[in-house]
Amino acid sequence: MGRQAGGYCPLLSADGRGEMSDATHPYVGLWVTADGHIRHELLPTGRYVEARGDRERAYEGRYEVKASHIDYWDDTGFTADGEFIEGILHHAGMILYRQ
């Protein structure tokens, strides 16, 4: 983690403590589907929390961003990815908007 070479955004510090080295990264924050059912909170620590309906912590894990591509690793071992296109997150057939 903390890779900056190869186009990785500096999400995690090189010391591996999981602290954001650039807290102003444009993708950090809350991303929500139009109906509000799915909510991804991309934390400045390189972790994410996904809420689904009334389940506020349905999924949790880590993420990395390379250019406009995001990779997710859920704590249960599930993996997923997505793309940021013109300020919108496209993930697993869903469209999430920045809040």
Foldseek 3Di string as FASTA:
>chain_A
DQDPPPQWDRQAHPVPPQAGPCQVPPVAAWWAFPVRQWIWHCHSSQKIAIHGHPRRRPWIFGWTDGPQKIWTQTPVGDIWIWGQDPQWTCTPNTIIHGD
